[in-house]
C-alpha atoms as a PDB file:
ATOM      1  CA  MET A   1      70.251 197.145 114.261  1.00  0.00           C
ATOM      2  CA  GLN A   2      69.568 200.769 113.387  1.00  0.00           C
ATOM      3  CA  TYR A   3      70.113 199.997 109.702  1.00  0.00           C
ATOM      4  CA  GLU A   4      67.337 197.370 109.821  1.00  0.00           C
ATOM      5  CA  THR A   5      64.874 199.960 111.045  1.00  0.00           C
ATOM      6  CA  ILE A   6      65.924 202.437 108.313  1.00  0.00           C
ATOM      7  CA  ILE A   7      65.679 199.758 105.633  1.00  0.00           C
ATOM      8  CA  LEU A   8      62.240 198.632 106.853  1.00  0.00           C
ATOM      9  CA  GLU A   9      61.095 202.237 106.823  1.00  0.00           C
ATOM     10  CA  LEU A  10      62.433 202.813 103.288  1.00  0.00           C
ATOM     11  CA  MET A  11      60.782 199.591 102.058  1.00  0.00           C
ATOM     12  CA  ALA A  12      57.461 200.735 103.557  1.00  0.00           C
ATOM     13  CA  ARG A  13      57.745 204.039 101.721  1.00  0.00           C
ATOM     14  CA  ILE A  14      58.636 202.293  98.449  1.00  0.00           C
ATOM     15  CA  LYS A  15      55.558 200.077  98.767  1.00  0.00           C
ATOM     16  CA  LYS A  16      53.361 203.085  99.358  1.00  0.00           C
ATOM     17  CA  LEU A  17      54.851 204.875  96.358  1.00  0.00           C
ATOM     18  CA  GLU A  18      54.285 201.800  94.246  1.00  0.00           C
ATOM     19  CA  GLU A  19      50.654 201.776  95.296  1.00  0.00           C
ATOM     20  CA  GLU A  20      50.270 205.470  94.505  1.00  0.00           C
ATOM     21  CA  VAL A  21      51.841 204.955  91.037  1.00  0.00           C
ATOM     22  CA  ALA A  22      49.423 202.139  90.353  1.00  0.00           C
ATOM     23  CA  MET A  23      46.523 204.325  91.372  1.00  0.00           C
ATOM     24  CA  LEU A  24      47.753 207.162  89.098  1.00  0.00           C
ATOM     25  CA  LYS A  25      48.199 204.758  86.198  1.00  0.00           C
ATOM     26  CA  GLU A  26      44.654 203.519  86.772  1.00  0.00           C
ATOM     27  CA  ALA A  27      43.420 207.175  86.833  1.00  0.00           C
ATOM     28  CA  VAL A  28      45.225 207.965  83.623  1.00  0.00           C
ATOM     29  CA  GLY A  29      43.905 204.815  82.005  1.00  0.00           C
ATOM     30  CA  SER A  30      40.446 205.636  83.085  1.00  0.00           C
ATOM     31  CA  PHE A  31      40.783 209.206  81.647  1.00  0.00           C
ATOM     32  CA  ASP A  32      42.130 207.787  78.343  1.00  0.00           C
ATOM     33  CA  ASN A  33      39.387 205.110  78.288  1.00  0.00           C
ATOM     34  CA  GLN A  34      36.832 207.931  78.670  1.00  0.00           C
ATOM     35  CA  ASP A  35      38.331 209.375  75.428  1.00  0.00           C
ATOM     36  CA  GLU A  36      38.029 205.945  73.829  1.00  0.00           C
ATOM     37  CA  ARG A  37      34.436 205.709  74.888  1.00  0.00           C
ATOM     38  CA  GLU A  38      33.877 209.122  73.395  1.00  0.00           C
ATOM     39  CA  ALA A  39      35.511 207.986  70.142  1.00  0.00           C
ATOM     40  CA  VAL A  40      33.410 204.800  70.149  1.00  0.00           C
ATOM     41  CA  SER A  41      30.255 206.867  70.778  1.00  0.00           C
ATOM     42  CA  ASP A  42      31.322 208.932  67.811  1.00  0.00           C
ATOM     43  CA  GLU A  43      31.083 205.763  65.702  1.00  0.00           C
ATOM     44  CA  THR A  44      27.966 204.218  67.235  1.00  0.00           C
ATOM     45  CA  GLY A  45      25.937 207.344  67.550  1.00  0.00           C
ATOM     46  CA  GLU A  46      25.456 206.927  71.256  1.00  0.00           C
ATOM     47  CA  THR A  47      25.845 210.016  73.373  1.00  0.00           C
ATOM     48  CA  SER A  48      27.063 210.278  76.975  1.00  0.00           C
ATOM     49  CA  GLU A  49      26.926 212.995  79.532  1.00  0.00           C
ATOM     50  CA  GLY A  50      30.030 215.113  79.154  1.00  0.00           C
ATOM     51  CA  ARG A  51      32.825 215.426  81.692  1.00  0.00           C
ATOM     52  CA  ARG A  52      32.860 218.316  84.040  1.00  0.00           C
ATOM     53  CA  GLY A  53      29.530 219.649  82.879  1.00  0.00           C
ATOM     54  CA  GLN A  54      30.389 220.050  79.202  1.00  0.00           C
ATOM     55  CA  GLY A  55      27.017 218.756  78.090  1.00  0.00           C
ATOM     56  CA  SER A  56      26.245 215.805  75.908  1.00  0.00           C
ATOM     57  CA  TYR A  57      28.408 214.585  73.042  1.00  0.00           C
ATOM     58  CA  LYS A  58      27.074 214.371  69.566  1.00  0.00           C
ATOM     59  CA  LYS A  59      27.687 211.640  67.096  1.00  0.00           C
ATOM     60  CA  MET A  60      30.845 212.235  65.077  1.00  0.00           C
ATOM     61  CA  THR A  61      29.609 212.928  61.618  1.00  0.00           C
ATOM     62  CA  ASP A  62      31.384 212.798  58.239  1.00  0.00           C
ATOM     63  CA  GLU A  63      31.008 216.586  58.072  1.00  0.00           C
ATOM     64  CA  MET A  64      32.857 216.950  61.441  1.00  0.00           C
ATOM     65  CA  MET A  65      35.642 214.551  60.319  1.00  0.00           C
ATOM     66  CA  MET A  66      36.067 216.513  57.043  1.00  0.00           C
ATOM     67  CA  ILE A  67      36.151 219.899  58.704  1.00  0.00           C
ATOM     68  CA  CYS A  68      38.655 218.653  61.274  1.00  0.00           C
ATOM     69  CA  TYR A  69      40.829 217.356  58.407  1.00  0.00           C
ATOM     70  CA  LYS A  70      40.759 220.749  56.676  1.00  0.00           C
ATOM     71  CA  CYS A  71      41.490 222.579  59.920  1.00  0.00           C
ATOM     72  CA  GLY A  72      44.321 220.147  60.721  1.00  0.00           C
ATOM     73  CA  LYS A  73      45.917 221.113  57.434  1.00  0.00           C
ATOM     74  CA  GLN A  74      45.460 224.755  58.318  1.00  0.00           C
ATOM     75  CA  LEU A  75      47.103 224.175  61.684  1.00  0.00           C
ATOM     76  CA  ASN A  76      50.131 222.770  59.850  1.00  0.00           C
ATOM     77  CA  ASP A  77      50.198 226.021  57.872  1.00  0.00           C
ATOM     78  CA  GLY A  78      50.357 228.119  61.071  1.00  0.00           C
ATOM     79  CA  ALA A  79      46.680 228.778  61.864  1.00  0.00           C
ATOM     80  CA  ASN A  80      45.546 229.157  65.450  1.00  0.00           C
ATOM     81  CA  SER A  81      44.114 225.914  66.882  1.00  0.00           C
ATOM     82  CA  SER A  82      41.779 227.746  69.197  1.00  0.00           C
ATOM     83  CA  GLU A  83      40.226 229.776  66.432  1.00  0.00           C
ATOM     84  CA  LEU A  84      39.900 226.678  64.245  1.00  0.00           C
ATOM     85  CA  ALA A  85      38.182 224.742  67.008  1.00  0.00           C
ATOM     86  CA  ASP A  86      35.727 227.644  67.626  1.00  0.00           C
ATOM     87  CA  MET A  87      34.888 227.642  63.900  1.00  0.00           C
ATOM     88  CA  ILE A  88      34.239 223.819  63.974  1.00  0.00           C
ATOM     89  CA  VAL A  89      32.011 224.189  67.050  1.00  0.00           C
ATOM     90  CA  GLU A  90      30.025 227.008  65.418  1.00  0.00           C
ATOM     91  CA  GLU A  91      29.636 225.227  62.116  1.00  0.00           C
ATOM     92  CA  THR A  92      28.899 221.675  63.323  1.00  0.00           C
ATOM     93  CA  GLY A  93      28.081 221.750  67.048  1.00  0.00           C
ATOM     94  CA  MET A  94      30.962 219.427  67.719  1.00  0.00           C
ATOM     95  CA  ASN A  95      32.446 219.381  71.288  1.00  0.00           C
ATOM     96  CA  ARG A  96      35.258 221.911  71.366  1.00  0.00           C
ATOM     97  CA  ASN A  97      37.733 219.674  73.209  1.00  0.00           C
ATOM     98  CA  SER A  98      37.022 216.888  70.657  1.00  0.00           C
ATOM     99  CA  ALA A  99      37.521 219.378  67.852  1.00  0.00           C
ATOM    100  CA  ILE A 100      40.954 220.389  69.210  1.00  0.00           C
ATOM    101  CA  MET A 101      41.906 216.756  69.739  1.00  0.00           C
ATOM    102  CA  TYR A 102      41.029 215.862  66.091  1.00  0.00           C
ATOM    103  CA  ILE A 103      42.736 218.980  64.662  1.00  0.00           C
ATOM    104  CA  TYR A 104      45.946 218.050  66.411  1.00  0.00           C
ATOM    105  CA  ALA A 105      45.641 214.396  65.388  1.00  0.00           C
ATOM    106  CA  VAL A 106      45.307 215.421  61.705  1.00  0.00           C
ATOM    107  CA  SER A 107      48.242 217.814  62.060  1.00  0.00           C
ATOM    108  CA  SER A 108      50.367 215.046  63.591  1.00  0.00           C
ATOM    109  CA  LEU A 109      49.375 212.583  60.860  1.00  0.00           C
ATOM    110  CA  LEU A 110      50.475 215.074  58.175  1.00  0.00           C
ATOM    111  CA  SER A 111      53.746 215.769  59.950  1.00  0.00           C
ATOM    112  CA  GLY A 112      54.566 212.276  61.109  1.00  0.00           C
ATOM    113  CA  THR A 113      54.646 213.155  64.761  1.00  0.00           C
ATOM    114  CA  VAL A 114      53.009 211.477  67.783  1.00  0.00           C
ATOM    115  CA  PHE A 115      49.450 212.370  68.742  1.00  0.00           C
ATOM    116  CA  LYS A 116      48.366 211.428  72.263  1.00  0.00           C
ATOM    117  CA  ARG A 117      44.546 211.475  72.138  1.00  0.00           C
ATOM    118  CA  ALA A 118      42.400 208.680  70.685  1.00  0.00           C
ATOM    119  CA  ILE A 119      40.462 209.328  67.521  1.00  0.00           C
ATOM    120  CA  SER A 120      37.940 206.886  66.022  1.00  0.00           C
ATOM    121  CA  GLY A 121      38.957 204.171  63.675  1.00  0.00           C
ATOM    122  CA  LYS A 122      36.453 205.438  61.177  1.00  0.00           C
ATOM    123  CA  ALA A 123      38.050 208.919  61.234  1.00  0.00           C
ATOM    124  CA  LEU A 124      41.575 207.491  60.985  1.00  0.00           C
ATOM    125  CA  ARG A 125      40.613 205.421  57.948  1.00  0.00           C
ATOM    126  CA  LYS A 126      39.051 208.467  56.323  1.00  0.00           C
ATOM    127  CA  TYR A 127      42.134 210.596  57.080  1.00  0.00           C
ATOM    128  CA  TYR A 128      44.481 207.904  55.658  1.00  0.00           C
ATOM    129  CA  ASP A 129      42.490 207.852  52.432  1.00  0.00           C
ATOM    130  CA  LEU A 130      42.471 211.638  52.150  1.00  0.00           C
ATOM    131  CA  ILE A 131      46.170 211.835  52.883  1.00  0.00           C
ATOM    132  CA  LEU A 132      46.949 209.117  50.320  1.00  0.00           C
ATOM    133  CA  ASN A 133      44.881 210.992  47.677  1.00  0.00           C
ATOM    134  CA  GLU A 134      46.383 214.372  48.452  1.00  0.00           C
ATOM    135  CA  TYR A 135      49.931 213.635  49.485  1.00  0.00           C
ATOM    136  CA  GLY A 136      50.565 210.263  47.952  1.00  0.00           C
ATOM    137  CA  SER A 137      52.698 207.455  49.433  1.00  0.00           C
ATOM    138  CA  ALA A 138      55.061 209.816  51.225  1.00  0.00           C
ATOM    139  CA  GLY A 139      52.163 211.468  53.003  1.00  0.00           C
ATOM    140  CA  LEU A 140      50.703 208.137  54.001  1.00  0.00           C
ATOM    141  CA  GLU A 141      54.039 206.932  55.330  1.00  0.00           C
ATOM    142  CA  LYS A 142      54.167 210.020  57.612  1.00  0.00           C
ATOM    143  CA  ALA A 143      50.609 209.259  58.801  1.00  0.00           C
ATOM    144  CA  ILE A 144      51.434 205.657  59.537  1.00  0.00           C
ATOM    145  CA  LYS A 145      54.591 206.738  61.333  1.00  0.00           C
ATOM    146  CA  ALA A 146      52.541 209.142  63.465  1.00  0.00           C
ATOM    147  CA  THR A 147      50.033 206.378  64.242  1.00  0.00           C
ATOM    148  CA  ARG A 148      52.699 203.911  65.229  1.00  0.00           C
ATOM    149  CA  LEU A 149      54.107 206.452  67.602  1.00  0.00           C
ATOM    150  CA  HIS A 150      50.576 206.917  68.967  1.00  0.00           C
ATOM    151  CA  ILE A 151      50.306 203.139  69.382  1.00  0.00           C
ATOM    152  CA  GLU A 152      53.607 203.034  71.352  1.00  0.00           C
ATOM    153  CA  TYR A 153      52.347 205.936  73.506  1.00  0.00           C
ATOM    154  CA  ARG A 154      49.127 203.997  74.251  1.00  0.00           C
ATOM    155  CA  LYS A 155      51.146 200.835  75.113  1.00  0.00           C
ATOM    156  CA  ASP A 156      53.347 202.816  77.431  1.00  0.00           C
ATOM    157  CA  CYS A 157      50.171 203.964  79.202  1.00  0.00           C
ATOM    158  CA  GLY A 158      48.991 200.394  79.502  1.00  0.00           C
ATOM    159  CA  LEU A 159      46.252 200.717  76.893  1.00  0.00           C
ATOM    160  CA  THR A 160      45.595 198.447  73.880  1.00  0.00           C
ATOM    161  CA  ALA A 161      45.646 199.559  70.226  1.00  0.00           C
ATOM    162  CA  ASP A 162      44.992 196.417  68.301  1.00  0.00           C
ATOM    163  CA  ALA A 163      42.406 197.849  65.921  1.00  0.00           C
ATOM    164  CA  ILE A 164      44.623 200.849  65.162  1.00  0.00           C
ATOM    165  CA  GLU A 165      47.614 198.532  64.614  1.00  0.00           C
ATOM    166  CA  GLU A 166      45.582 196.462  62.109  1.00  0.00           C
ATOM    167  CA  LEU A 167      44.601 199.584  60.249  1.00  0.00           C
ATOM    168  CA  CYS A 168      48.253 200.632  60.102  1.00  0.00           C
ATOM    169  CA  ASN A 169      49.253 197.269  58.741  1.00  0.00           C
ATOM    170  CA  GLU A 170      46.451 197.417  56.150  1.00  0.00           C
ATOM    171  CA  TYR A 171      47.554 200.758  54.830  1.00  0.00           C
ATOM    172  CA  GLN A 172      51.250 199.848  55.102  1.00  0.00           C
ATOM    173  CA  SER A 173      50.599 197.059  52.583  1.00  0.00           C
ATOM    174  CA  ARG A 174      49.322 199.573  50.096  1.00  0.00           C
ATOM    175  CA  LEU A 175      52.655 201.382  49.951  1.00  0.00           C
END
């Protein structure tokens, strides 16, 4: 009989842990969805009040995308990400956290490694074109590999990535 009590207690604890895990996943999904909303606002031109008092977000411009691309290349060459982000903020007024996110995404695309923050589809398309022009098919293959790793990461977090997957397939067919 004592075992039944212990088993019931353990089952109650497991249920509570499962509920906590579900809440944590929801919180992480909500945080990542906020990044997605920020990326969507980059494309649509809408702005939203920033998290934790960071101010409003500006529309992601072609200038911002290009400077992030150049800085991502510099990061691959050993430059300091914090200094690069500060330069982007100073030159364009881009949100510093977004600048860092985009710099690391470009660096990952160039190296073929996973990136974990969402970037806009418009920026990803632009980066694919730039990489294809500068680094050829081999460079584009690395970028697609990095994006597929990003897609898997998103799926593991319970998020969708259909539009990104379609973009990968479109560029994969060009190889």
